[in-house]
Amino acid sequence: LASEWGSSKGGLSTINRKLAIHLAKFSEVEITFFVPQCSEGDK
């Protein structure tokens, strides 16, 4: 669960994104980032 993909809302957003990126490196894991809204660039 996330408020955004970027870091405009502060440190929580930054940690959330970095955590997702590193967990996604595991081939046995499928990561979904669930946000209220985002841009096509974010996707």
PDB file of all heavy atoms in Angstrom:
ATOM      1  N   LEU A   1       0.841  -1.188   0.000  1.00  0.00           N
ATOM      2  CA  LEU A   1       0.000   0.000   0.000  1.00  0.00           C
ATOM      3  C   LEU A   1       0.881   1.245   0.000  1.00  0.00           C
ATOM      4  O   LEU A   1       1.834   1.335   0.764  1.00  0.00           O
ATOM      5  CB  LEU A   1      -0.912   0.006   1.230  1.00  0.00           C
ATOM      6  CG  LEU A   1      -1.782  -1.244   1.428  1.00  0.00           C
ATOM      7  CD1 LEU A   1      -2.673  -1.064   2.654  1.00  0.00           C
ATOM      8  CD2 LEU A   1      -2.632  -1.523   0.191  1.00  0.00           C
ATOM      9  N   ALA A   2       0.544   2.203  -0.855  1.00  0.00           N
ATOM     10  CA  ALA A   2       1.390   3.390  -0.996  1.00  0.00           C
ATOM     11  C   ALA A   2       0.554   4.603  -1.375  1.00  0.00           C
ATOM     12  O   ALA A   2      -0.500   4.473  -2.003  1.00  0.00           O
ATOM     13  CB  ALA A   2       2.464   3.151  -2.052  1.00  0.00           C
ATOM     14  N   SER A   3       1.020   5.789  -0.992  1.00  0.00           N
ATOM     15  CA  SER A   3       0.335   7.023  -1.367  1.00  0.00           C
ATOM     16  C   SER A   3       0.797   7.525  -2.722  1.00  0.00           C
ATOM     17  O   SER A   3       0.106   8.301  -3.373  1.00  0.00           O
ATOM     18  CB  SER A   3       0.572   8.109  -0.307  1.00  0.00           C
ATOM     19  OG  SER A   3       1.960   8.320  -0.105  1.00  0.00           O
ATOM     20  N   GLU A   4       1.982   7.058  -3.173  1.00  0.00           N
ATOM     21  CA  GLU A   4       2.536   7.489  -4.459  1.00  0.00           C
ATOM     22  C   GLU A   4       3.710   6.591  -4.818  1.00  0.00           C
ATOM     23  O   GLU A   4       4.217   5.847  -3.983  1.00  0.00           O
ATOM     24  CB  GLU A   4       3.027   8.936  -4.361  1.00  0.00           C
ATOM     25  CG  GLU A   4       4.122   9.117  -3.304  1.00  0.00           C
ATOM     26  CD  GLU A   4       4.689  10.519  -3.245  1.00  0.00           C
ATOM     27  OE1 GLU A   4       4.406  11.324  -4.160  1.00  0.00           O
ATOM     28  OE2 GLU A   4       5.418  10.805  -2.274  1.00  0.00           O
ATOM     29  N   TRP A   5       4.161   6.692  -6.069  1.00  0.00           N
ATOM     30  CA  TRP A   5       5.360   5.982  -6.488  1.00  0.00           C
ATOM     31  C   TRP A   5       6.607   6.823  -6.195  1.00  0.00           C
ATOM     32  O   TRP A   5       7.639   6.304  -5.818  1.00  0.00           O
ATOM     33  CB  TRP A   5       5.303   5.656  -7.975  1.00  0.00           C
ATOM     34  CG  TRP A   5       6.597   5.124  -8.529  1.00  0.00           C
ATOM     35  CD1 TRP A   5       7.493   5.766  -9.332  1.00  0.00           C
ATOM     36  CD2 TRP A   5       7.149   3.809  -8.298  1.00  0.00           C
ATOM     37  NE1 TRP A   5       8.568   4.953  -9.629  1.00  0.00           N
ATOM     38  CE2 TRP A   5       8.387   3.737  -9.007  1.00  0.00           C
ATOM     39  CE3 TRP A   5       6.741   2.697  -7.567  1.00  0.00           C
ATOM     40  CZ2 TRP A   5       9.197   2.601  -8.999  1.00  0.00           C
ATOM     41  CZ3 TRP A   5       7.550   1.565  -7.564  1.00  0.00           C
ATOM     42  CH2 TRP A   5       8.756   1.522  -8.270  1.00  0.00           C
ATOM     43  N   GLY A   6       6.510   8.116  -6.353  1.00  0.00           N
ATOM     44  CA  GLY A   6       7.647   9.000  -6.155  1.00  0.00           C
ATOM     45  C   GLY A   6       7.909   9.325  -4.697  1.00  0.00           C
ATOM     46  O   GLY A   6       7.542   8.561  -3.797  1.00  0.00           O
ATOM     47  N   SER A   7       8.549  10.495  -4.460  1.00  0.00           N
ATOM     48  CA  SER A   7       8.924  10.882  -3.093  1.00  0.00           C
ATOM     49  C   SER A   7       8.403  12.248  -2.705  1.00  0.00           C
ATOM     50  O   SER A   7       8.916  12.865  -1.774  1.00  0.00           O
ATOM     51  CB  SER A   7      10.461  10.875  -2.965  1.00  0.00           C
ATOM     52  OG  SER A   7      10.981   9.580  -3.103  1.00  0.00           O
ATOM     53  N   SER A   8       7.359  12.730  -3.377  1.00  0.00           N
ATOM     54  CA  SER A   8       6.877  14.086  -3.098  1.00  0.00           C
ATOM     55  C   SER A   8       6.248  14.206  -1.718  1.00  0.00           C
ATOM     56  O   SER A   8       6.125  15.300  -1.181  1.00  0.00           O
ATOM     57  CB  SER A   8       5.864  14.518  -4.170  1.00  0.00           C
ATOM     58  OG  SER A   8       4.668  13.761  -4.072  1.00  0.00           O
ATOM     59  N   LYS A   9       5.844  13.088  -1.116  1.00  0.00           N
ATOM     60  CA  LYS A   9       5.185  13.121   0.191  1.00  0.00           C
ATOM     61  C   LYS A   9       6.123  12.736   1.341  1.00  0.00           C
ATOM     62  O   LYS A   9       5.687  12.516   2.457  1.00  0.00           O
ATOM     63  CB  LYS A   9       3.946  12.226   0.186  1.00  0.00           C
ATOM     64  CG  LYS A   9       2.910  12.631  -0.863  1.00  0.00           C
ATOM     65  CD  LYS A   9       1.658  11.781  -0.777  1.00  0.00           C
ATOM     66  CE  LYS A   9       0.710  12.064  -1.936  1.00  0.00           C
ATOM     67  NZ  LYS A   9       0.329  13.463  -2.050  1.00  0.00           N
ATOM     68  N   GLY A  10       7.425  12.648   1.060  1.00  0.00           N
ATOM     69  CA  GLY A  10       8.374  12.453   2.151  1.00  0.00           C
ATOM     70  C   GLY A  10       9.016  11.081   2.235  1.00  0.00           C
ATOM     71  O   GLY A  10       8.937  10.263   1.314  1.00  0.00           O
ATOM     72  N   GLY A  11       9.635  10.841   3.393  1.00  0.00           N
ATOM     73  CA  GLY A  11      10.463   9.661   3.589  1.00  0.00           C
ATOM     74  C   GLY A  11       9.727   8.342   3.533  1.00  0.00           C
ATOM     75  O   GLY A  11      10.273   7.337   3.062  1.00  0.00           O
ATOM     76  N   LEU A  12       8.480   8.301   4.004  1.00  0.00           N
ATOM     77  CA  LEU A  12       7.720   7.060   3.959  1.00  0.00           C
ATOM     78  C   LEU A  12       7.582   6.576   2.512  1.00  0.00           C
ATOM     79  O   LEU A  12       7.751   5.392   2.225  1.00  0.00           O
ATOM     80  CB  LEU A  12       6.340   7.251   4.599  1.00  0.00           C
ATOM     81  CG  LEU A  12       5.509   5.996   4.877  1.00  0.00           C
ATOM     82  CD1 LEU A  12       4.526   6.257   6.016  1.00  0.00           C
ATOM     83  CD2 LEU A  12       4.729   5.548   3.645  1.00  0.00           C
ATOM     84  N   SER A  13       7.292   7.507   1.606  1.00  0.00           N
ATOM     85  CA  SER A  13       7.156   7.153   0.190  1.00  0.00           C
ATOM     86  C   SER A  13       8.469   6.627  -0.368  1.00  0.00           C
ATOM     87  O   SER A  13       8.496   5.669  -1.150  1.00  0.00           O
ATOM     88  CB  SER A  13       6.707   8.378  -0.619  1.00  0.00           C
ATOM     89  OG  SER A  13       5.426   8.811  -0.220  1.00  0.00           O
ATOM     90  N   THR A  14       9.572   7.251   0.031  1.00  0.00           N
ATOM     91  CA  THR A  14      10.888   6.832  -0.453  1.00  0.00           C
ATOM     92  C   THR A  14      11.206   5.410  -0.010  1.00  0.00           C
ATOM     93  O   THR A  14      11.625   4.565  -0.812  1.00  0.00           O
ATOM     94  CB  THR A  14      11.979   7.791   0.060  1.00  0.00           C
ATOM     95  OG1 THR A  14      11.698   9.119  -0.406  1.00  0.00           O
ATOM     96  CG2 THR A  14      13.346   7.369  -0.434  1.00  0.00           C
ATOM     97  N   ILE A  15      11.015   5.131   1.271  1.00  0.00           N
ATOM     98  CA  ILE A  15      11.292   3.791   1.793  1.00  0.00           C
ATOM     99  C   ILE A  15      10.373   2.761   1.144  1.00  0.00           C
ATOM    100  O   ILE A  15      10.809   1.652   0.789  1.00  0.00           O
ATOM    101  CB  ILE A  15      11.134   3.772   3.328  1.00  0.00           C
ATOM    102  CG1 ILE A  15      12.260   4.573   3.976  1.00  0.00           C
ATOM    103  CG2 ILE A  15      11.125   2.335   3.859  1.00  0.00           C
ATOM    104  CD1 ILE A  15      12.160   4.694   5.477  1.00  0.00           C
ATOM    105  N   ASN A  16       9.110   3.112   0.964  1.00  0.00           N
ATOM    106  CA  ASN A  16       8.143   2.210   0.355  1.00  0.00           C
ATOM    107  C   ASN A  16       8.596   1.778  -1.041  1.00  0.00           C
ATOM    108  O   ASN A  16       8.570   0.595  -1.395  1.00  0.00           O
ATOM    109  CB  ASN A  16       6.782   2.919   0.261  1.00  0.00           C
ATOM    110  CG  ASN A  16       5.638   2.011   0.647  1.00  0.00           C
ATOM    111  OD1 ASN A  16       5.808   0.808   0.840  1.00  0.00           O
ATOM    112  ND2 ASN A  16       4.460   2.578   0.766  1.00  0.00           N
ATOM    113  N   ARG A  17       9.018   2.765  -1.843  1.00  0.00           N
ATOM    114  CA  ARG A  17       9.447   2.472  -3.208  1.00  0.00           C
ATOM    115  C   ARG A  17      10.715   1.612  -3.218  1.00  0.00           C
ATOM    116  O   ARG A  17      10.815   0.638  -3.963  1.00  0.00           O
ATOM    117  CB  ARG A  17       9.682   3.777  -3.969  1.00  0.00           C
ATOM    118  CG  ARG A  17      10.108   3.567  -5.420  1.00  0.00           C
ATOM    119  CD  ARG A  17      10.366   4.873  -6.140  1.00  0.00           C
ATOM    120  NE  ARG A  17      11.514   5.592  -5.610  1.00  0.00           N
ATOM    121  CZ  ARG A  17      11.427   6.678  -4.836  1.00  0.00           C
ATOM    122  NH1 ARG A  17      10.256   7.164  -4.517  1.00  0.00           N
ATOM    123  NH2 ARG A  17      12.526   7.275  -4.397  1.00  0.00           N
ATOM    124  N   LYS A  18      11.694   1.986  -2.382  1.00  0.00           N
ATOM    125  CA  LYS A  18      12.940   1.229  -2.353  1.00  0.00           C
ATOM    126  C   LYS A  18      12.705  -0.209  -1.877  1.00  0.00           C
ATOM    127  O   LYS A  18      13.316  -1.153  -2.403  1.00  0.00           O
ATOM    128  CB  LYS A  18      13.939   1.927  -1.426  1.00  0.00           C
ATOM    129  CG  LYS A  18      14.411   3.275  -1.919  1.00  0.00           C
ATOM    130  CD  LYS A  18      15.292   3.157  -3.144  1.00  0.00           C
ATOM    131  CE  LYS A  18      16.629   2.557  -2.835  1.00  0.00           C
ATOM    132  NZ  LYS A  18      17.550   2.574  -4.006  1.00  0.00           N
ATOM    133  N   LEU A  19      11.836  -0.376  -0.891  1.00  0.00           N
ATOM    134  CA  LEU A  19      11.522  -1.715  -0.396  1.00  0.00           C
ATOM    135  C   LEU A  19      10.906  -2.553  -1.516  1.00  0.00           C
ATOM    136  O   LEU A  19      11.279  -3.719  -1.711  1.00  0.00           O
ATOM    137  CB  LEU A  19      10.562  -1.625   0.787  1.00  0.00           C
ATOM    138  CG  LEU A  19      10.097  -2.943   1.398  1.00  0.00           C
ATOM    139  CD1 LEU A  19      11.272  -3.725   1.955  1.00  0.00           C
ATOM    140  CD2 LEU A  19       9.066  -2.690   2.496  1.00  0.00           C
ATOM    141  N   ALA A  20       9.977  -1.953  -2.259  1.00  0.00           N
ATOM    142  CA  ALA A  20       9.334  -2.668  -3.366  1.00  0.00           C
ATOM    143  C   ALA A  20      10.357  -3.087  -4.419  1.00  0.00           C
ATOM    144  O   ALA A  20      10.341  -4.226  -4.913  1.00  0.00           O
ATOM    145  CB  ALA A  20       8.265  -1.781  -3.992  1.00  0.00           C
ATOM    146  N   ILE A  21      11.254  -2.181  -4.763  1.00  0.00           N
ATOM    147  CA  ILE A  21      12.257  -2.463  -5.799  1.00  0.00           C
ATOM    148  C   ILE A  21      13.136  -3.636  -5.401  1.00  0.00           C
ATOM    149  O   ILE A  21      13.423  -4.532  -6.215  1.00  0.00           O
ATOM    150  CB  ILE A  21      13.103  -1.204  -6.074  1.00  0.00           C
ATOM    151  CG1 ILE A  21      12.259  -0.149  -6.814  1.00  0.00           C
ATOM    152  CG2 ILE A  21      14.346  -1.550  -6.896  1.00  0.00           C
ATOM    153  CD1 ILE A  21      12.931   1.197  -6.958  1.00  0.00           C
ATOM    154  N   HIS A  22      13.560  -3.665  -4.155  1.00  0.00           N
ATOM    155  CA  HIS A  22      14.474  -4.735  -3.733  1.00  0.00           C
ATOM    156  C   HIS A  22      13.754  -6.057  -3.508  1.00  0.00           C
ATOM    157  O   HIS A  22      14.331  -7.118  -3.783  1.00  0.00           O
ATOM    158  CB  HIS A  22      15.241  -4.294  -2.491  1.00  0.00           C
ATOM    159  CG  HIS A  22      16.335  -3.322  -2.800  1.00  0.00           C
ATOM    160  ND1 HIS A  22      17.570  -3.712  -3.248  1.00  0.00           N
ATOM    161  CD2 HIS A  22      16.364  -1.963  -2.775  1.00  0.00           C
ATOM    162  CE1 HIS A  22      18.330  -2.654  -3.463  1.00  0.00           C
ATOM    163  NE2 HIS A  22      17.623  -1.583  -3.169  1.00  0.00           N
ATOM    164  N   LEU A  23      12.523  -6.029  -3.053  1.00  0.00           N
ATOM    165  CA  LEU A  23      11.767  -7.279  -2.930  1.00  0.00           C
ATOM    166  C   LEU A  23      11.455  -7.863  -4.301  1.00  0.00           C
ATOM    167  O   LEU A  23      11.413  -9.083  -4.480  1.00  0.00           O
ATOM    168  CB  LEU A  23      10.467  -7.044  -2.151  1.00  0.00           C
ATOM    169  CG  LEU A  23      10.597  -6.776  -0.652  1.00  0.00           C
ATOM    170  CD1 LEU A  23       9.222  -6.531  -0.038  1.00  0.00           C
ATOM    171  CD2 LEU A  23      11.296  -7.925   0.065  1.00  0.00           C
ATOM    172  N   ALA A  24      11.250  -6.986  -5.296  1.00  0.00           N
ATOM    173  CA  ALA A  24      10.909  -7.440  -6.648  1.00  0.00           C
ATOM    174  C   ALA A  24      12.075  -8.133  -7.337  1.00  0.00           C
ATOM    175  O   ALA A  24      11.882  -8.796  -8.369  1.00  0.00           O
ATOM    176  CB  ALA A  24      10.433  -6.250  -7.487  1.00  0.00           C
ATOM    177  N   LYS A  25      13.286  -7.999  -6.803  1.00  0.00           N
ATOM    178  CA  LYS A  25      14.441  -8.669  -7.397  1.00  0.00           C
ATOM    179  C   LYS A  25      14.395 -10.168  -7.167  1.00  0.00           C
ATOM    180  O   LYS A  25      15.087 -10.929  -7.828  1.00  0.00           O
ATOM    181  CB  LYS A  25      15.737  -8.082  -6.827  1.00  0.00           C
ATOM    182  CG  LYS A  25      15.991  -6.640  -7.269  1.00  0.00           C
ATOM    183  CD  LYS A  25      17.280  -6.099  -6.671  1.00  0.00           C
ATOM    184  CE  LYS A  25      17.515  -4.656  -7.119  1.00  0.00           C
ATOM    185  NZ  LYS A  25      18.765  -4.086  -6.532  1.00  0.00           N
ATOM    186  N   PHE A  26      13.574 -10.595  -6.208  1.00  0.00           N
ATOM    187  CA  PHE A  26      13.383 -12.021  -5.957  1.00  0.00           C
ATOM    188  C   PHE A  26      12.453 -12.585  -7.032  1.00  0.00           C
ATOM    189  O   PHE A  26      11.313 -12.140  -7.166  1.00  0.00           O
ATOM    190  CB  PHE A  26      12.746 -12.230  -4.587  1.00  0.00           C
ATOM    191  CG  PHE A  26      13.599 -12.973  -3.612  1.00  0.00           C
ATOM    192  CD1 PHE A  26      14.256 -12.318  -2.581  1.00  0.00           C
ATOM    193  CD2 PHE A  26      13.749 -14.342  -3.725  1.00  0.00           C
ATOM    194  CE1 PHE A  26      15.038 -13.001  -1.663  1.00  0.00           C
ATOM    195  CE2 PHE A  26      14.528 -15.047  -2.818  1.00  0.00           C
ATOM    196  CZ  PHE A  26      15.171 -14.374  -1.785  1.00  0.00           C
ATOM    197  N   SER A  27      12.905 -13.560  -7.800  1.00  0.00           N
ATOM    198  CA  SER A  27      12.086 -14.115  -8.889  1.00  0.00           C
ATOM    199  C   SER A  27      10.871 -14.865  -8.369  1.00  0.00           C
ATOM    200  O   SER A  27       9.913 -15.093  -9.107  1.00  0.00           O
ATOM    201  CB  SER A  27      12.928 -15.035  -9.774  1.00  0.00           C
ATOM    202  OG  SER A  27      13.396 -16.156  -9.041  1.00  0.00           O
ATOM    203  N   GLU A  28      10.901 -15.263  -7.084  1.00  0.00           N
ATOM    204  CA  GLU A  28       9.776 -15.994  -6.510  1.00  0.00           C
ATOM    205  C   GLU A  28       8.688 -15.060  -5.969  1.00  0.00           C
ATOM    206  O   GLU A  28       7.723 -15.517  -5.367  1.00  0.00           O
ATOM    207  CB  GLU A  28      10.262 -16.899  -5.374  1.00  0.00           C
ATOM    208  CG  GLU A  28      11.035 -18.121  -5.850  1.00  0.00           C
ATOM    209  CD  GLU A  28      10.155 -19.121  -6.567  1.00  0.00           C
ATOM    210  OE1 GLU A  28       8.925 -19.008  -6.476  1.00  0.00           O
ATOM    211  OE2 GLU A  28      10.701 -20.018  -7.224  1.00  0.00           O
ATOM    212  N   VAL A  29       8.857 -13.747  -6.187  1.00  0.00           N
ATOM    213  CA  VAL A  29       7.909 -12.778  -5.637  1.00  0.00           C
ATOM    214  C   VAL A  29       7.318 -11.914  -6.749  1.00  0.00           C
ATOM    215  O   VAL A  29       8.009 -11.495  -7.679  1.00  0.00           O
ATOM    216  CB  VAL A  29       8.606 -11.862  -4.603  1.00  0.00           C
ATOM    217  CG1 VAL A  29       7.635 -10.827  -4.050  1.00  0.00           C
ATOM    218  CG2 VAL A  29       9.176 -12.697  -3.466  1.00  0.00           C
ATOM    219  N   GLU A  30       6.041 -11.657  -6.641  1.00  0.00           N
ATOM    220  CA  GLU A  30       5.342 -10.765  -7.576  1.00  0.00           C
ATOM    221  C   GLU A  30       4.842  -9.556  -6.782  1.00  0.00           C
ATOM    222  O   GLU A  30       4.010  -9.692  -5.889  1.00  0.00           O
ATOM    223  CB  GLU A  30       4.165 -11.494  -8.222  1.00  0.00           C
ATOM    224  CG  GLU A  30       3.399 -10.659  -9.232  1.00  0.00           C
ATOM    225  CD  GLU A  30       2.263 -11.452  -9.850  1.00  0.00           C
ATOM    226  OE1 GLU A  30       2.545 -12.498 -10.472  1.00  0.00           O
ATOM    227  OE2 GLU A  30       1.089 -11.043  -9.682  1.00  0.00           O
ATOM    228  N   ILE A  31       5.381  -8.372  -7.085  1.00  0.00           N
ATOM    229  CA  ILE A  31       5.071  -7.162  -6.331  1.00  0.00           C
ATOM    230  C   ILE A  31       4.036  -6.304  -7.055  1.00  0.00           C
ATOM    231  O   ILE A  31       4.187  -5.978  -8.232  1.00  0.00           O
ATOM    232  CB  ILE A  31       6.339  -6.318  -6.096  1.00  0.00           C
ATOM    233  CG1 ILE A  31       7.365  -7.092  -5.268  1.00  0.00           C
ATOM    234  CG2 ILE A  31       5.982  -4.999  -5.409  1.00  0.00           C
ATOM    235  CD1 ILE A  31       6.949  -7.344  -3.842  1.00  0.00           C
ATOM    236  N   THR A  32       2.993  -5.935  -6.315  1.00  0.00           N
ATOM    237  CA  THR A  32       2.000  -4.976  -6.802  1.00  0.00           C
ATOM    238  C   THR A  32       2.051  -3.747  -5.904  1.00  0.00           C
ATOM    239  O   THR A  32       2.035  -3.867  -4.677  1.00  0.00           O
ATOM    240  CB  THR A  32       0.581  -5.576  -6.774  1.00  0.00           C
ATOM    241  OG1 THR A  32       0.524  -6.699  -7.660  1.00  0.00           O
ATOM    242  CG2 THR A  32      -0.452  -4.541  -7.213  1.00  0.00           C
ATOM    243  N   PHE A  33       2.121  -2.584  -6.501  1.00  0.00           N
ATOM    244  CA  PHE A  33       2.143  -1.310  -5.786  1.00  0.00           C
ATOM    245  C   PHE A  33       0.762  -0.695  -5.934  1.00  0.00           C
ATOM    246  O   PHE A  33       0.354  -0.308  -7.025  1.00  0.00           O
ATOM    247  CB  PHE A  33       3.215  -0.406  -6.419  1.00  0.00           C
ATOM    248  CG  PHE A  33       3.969   0.453  -5.447  1.00  0.00           C
ATOM    249  CD1 PHE A  33       4.778  -0.112  -4.477  1.00  0.00           C
ATOM    250  CD2 PHE A  33       3.904   1.833  -5.519  1.00  0.00           C
ATOM    251  CE1 PHE A  33       5.499   0.678  -3.593  1.00  0.00           C
ATOM    252  CE2 PHE A  33       4.614   2.633  -4.652  1.00  0.00           C
ATOM    253  CZ  PHE A  33       5.422   2.061  -3.682  1.00  0.00           C
ATOM    254  N   PHE A  34      -0.007  -0.609  -4.838  1.00  0.00           N
ATOM    255  CA  PHE A  34      -1.400  -0.155  -4.886  1.00  0.00           C
ATOM    256  C   PHE A  34      -1.481   1.287  -4.421  1.00  0.00           C
ATOM    257  O   PHE A  34      -1.180   1.594  -3.263  1.00  0.00           O
ATOM    258  CB  PHE A  34      -2.253  -1.067  -4.008  1.00  0.00           C
ATOM    259  CG  PHE A  34      -3.738  -0.833  -4.130  1.00  0.00           C
ATOM    260  CD1 PHE A  34      -4.329  -0.555  -5.354  1.00  0.00           C
ATOM    261  CD2 PHE A  34      -4.553  -0.901  -3.006  1.00  0.00           C
ATOM    262  CE1 PHE A  34      -5.695  -0.347  -5.465  1.00  0.00           C
ATOM    263  CE2 PHE A  34      -5.920  -0.693  -3.095  1.00  0.00           C
ATOM    264  CZ  PHE A  34      -6.490  -0.410  -4.330  1.00  0.00           C
ATOM    265  N   VAL A  35      -1.864   2.186  -5.324  1.00  0.00           N
ATOM    266  CA  VAL A  35      -1.854   3.627  -5.047  1.00  0.00           C
ATOM    267  C   VAL A  35      -3.185   4.260  -5.437  1.00  0.00           C
ATOM    268  O   VAL A  35      -3.936   3.708  -6.252  1.00  0.00           O
ATOM    269  CB  VAL A  35      -0.724   4.332  -5.824  1.00  0.00           C
ATOM    270  CG1 VAL A  35       0.633   3.826  -5.390  1.00  0.00           C
ATOM    271  CG2 VAL A  35      -0.902   4.148  -7.336  1.00  0.00           C
ATOM    272  N   PRO A  36      -3.513   5.435  -4.873  1.00  0.00           N
ATOM    273  CA  PRO A  36      -4.743   6.133  -5.258  1.00  0.00           C
ATOM    274  C   PRO A  36      -4.719   6.563  -6.716  1.00  0.00           C
ATOM    275  O   PRO A  36      -5.731   6.499  -7.416  1.00  0.00           O
ATOM    276  CB  PRO A  36      -4.783   7.347  -4.318  1.00  0.00           C
ATOM    277  CG  PRO A  36      -3.930   6.963  -3.154  1.00  0.00           C
ATOM    278  CD  PRO A  36      -2.853   6.112  -3.730  1.00  0.00           C
ATOM    279  N   GLN A  37      -3.554   7.036  -7.181  1.00  0.00           N
ATOM    280  CA  GLN A  37      -3.403   7.462  -8.570  1.00  0.00           C
ATOM    281  C   GLN A  37      -1.920   7.578  -8.901  1.00  0.00           C
ATOM    282  O   GLN A  37      -1.080   7.702  -8.009  1.00  0.00           O
ATOM    283  CB  GLN A  37      -4.094   8.801  -8.806  1.00  0.00           C
ATOM    284  CG  GLN A  37      -3.601   9.914  -7.915  1.00  0.00           C
ATOM    285  CD  GLN A  37      -4.418  11.176  -8.047  1.00  0.00           C
ATOM    286  OE1 GLN A  37      -5.388  11.226  -8.794  1.00  0.00           O
ATOM    287  NE2 GLN A  37      -4.021  12.224  -7.332  1.00  0.00           N
ATOM    288  N   CYS A  38      -1.615   7.529 -10.191  1.00  0.00           N
ATOM    289  CA  CYS A  38      -0.229   7.681 -10.623  1.00  0.00           C
ATOM    290  C   CYS A  38      -0.198   8.022 -12.102  1.00  0.00           C
ATOM    291  O   CYS A  38      -1.220   7.962 -12.790  1.00  0.00           O
ATOM    292  CB  CYS A  38       0.574   6.404 -10.351  1.00  0.00           C
ATOM    293  SG  CYS A  38       0.092   5.028 -11.406  1.00  0.00           S
ATOM    294  N   SER A  39       0.961   8.381 -12.594  1.00  0.00           N
ATOM    295  CA  SER A  39       1.115   8.738 -14.002  1.00  0.00           C
ATOM    296  C   SER A  39       1.550   7.522 -14.818  1.00  0.00           C
ATOM    297  O   SER A  39       1.984   6.511 -14.266  1.00  0.00           O
ATOM    298  CB  SER A  39       2.160   9.848 -14.145  1.00  0.00           C
ATOM    299  OG  SER A  39       3.452   9.361 -13.799  1.00  0.00           O
ATOM    300  N   GLU A  40       1.443   7.646 -16.133  1.00  0.00           N
ATOM    301  CA  GLU A  40       1.920   6.576 -17.003  1.00  0.00           C
ATOM    302  C   GLU A  40       3.432   6.431 -16.885  1.00  0.00           C
ATOM    303  O   GLU A  40       3.972   5.334 -17.010  1.00  0.00           O
ATOM    304  CB  GLU A  40       1.517   6.868 -18.463  1.00  0.00           C
ATOM    305  CG  GLU A  40       0.034   6.726 -18.728  1.00  0.00           C
ATOM    306  CD  GLU A  40      -0.494   5.344 -18.374  1.00  0.00           C
ATOM    307  OE1 GLU A  40       0.163   4.343 -18.752  1.00  0.00           O
ATOM    308  OE2 GLU A  40      -1.555   5.254 -17.727  1.00  0.00           O
ATOM    309  N   GLY A  41       4.119   7.562 -16.638  1.00  0.00           N
ATOM    310  CA  GLY A  41       5.561   7.503 -16.436  1.00  0.00           C
ATOM    311  C   GLY A  41       5.929   6.692 -15.211  1.00  0.00           C
ATOM    312  O   GLY A  41       6.909   5.936 -15.222  1.00  0.00           O
ATOM    313  N   ASP A  42       5.133   6.845 -14.134  1.00  0.00           N
ATOM    314  CA  ASP A  42       5.358   6.054 -12.922  1.00  0.00           C
ATOM    315  C   ASP A  42       5.208   4.561 -13.208  1.00  0.00           C
ATOM    316  O   ASP A  42       6.018   3.741 -12.765  1.00  0.00           O
ATOM    317  CB  ASP A  42       4.371   6.460 -11.823  1.00  0.00           C
ATOM    318  CG  ASP A  42       4.650   7.844 -11.262  1.00  0.00           C
ATOM    319  OD1 ASP A  42       5.774   8.339 -11.440  1.00  0.00           O
ATOM    320  OD2 ASP A  42       3.735   8.427 -10.654  1.00  0.00           O
ATOM    321  N   LYS A  43       4.153   4.223 -13.953  1.00  0.00           N
ATOM    322  CA  LYS A  43       3.898   2.816 -14.272  1.00  0.00           C
ATOM    323  C   LYS A  43       5.029   2.222 -15.099  1.00  0.00           C
ATOM    324  O   LYS A  43       5.470   1.088 -14.868  1.00  0.00           O
ATOM    325  CB  LYS A  43       2.571   2.679 -15.018  1.00  0.00           C
ATOM    326  CG  LYS A  43       1.345   2.969 -14.173  1.00  0.00           C
ATOM    327  CD  LYS A  43       0.066   2.773 -14.978  1.00  0.00           C
ATOM    328  CE  LYS A  43      -1.170   3.042 -14.112  1.00  0.00           C
ATOM    329  NZ  LYS A  43      -2.426   2.856 -14.880  1.00  0.00           N
TER     330      LYS A  43
END
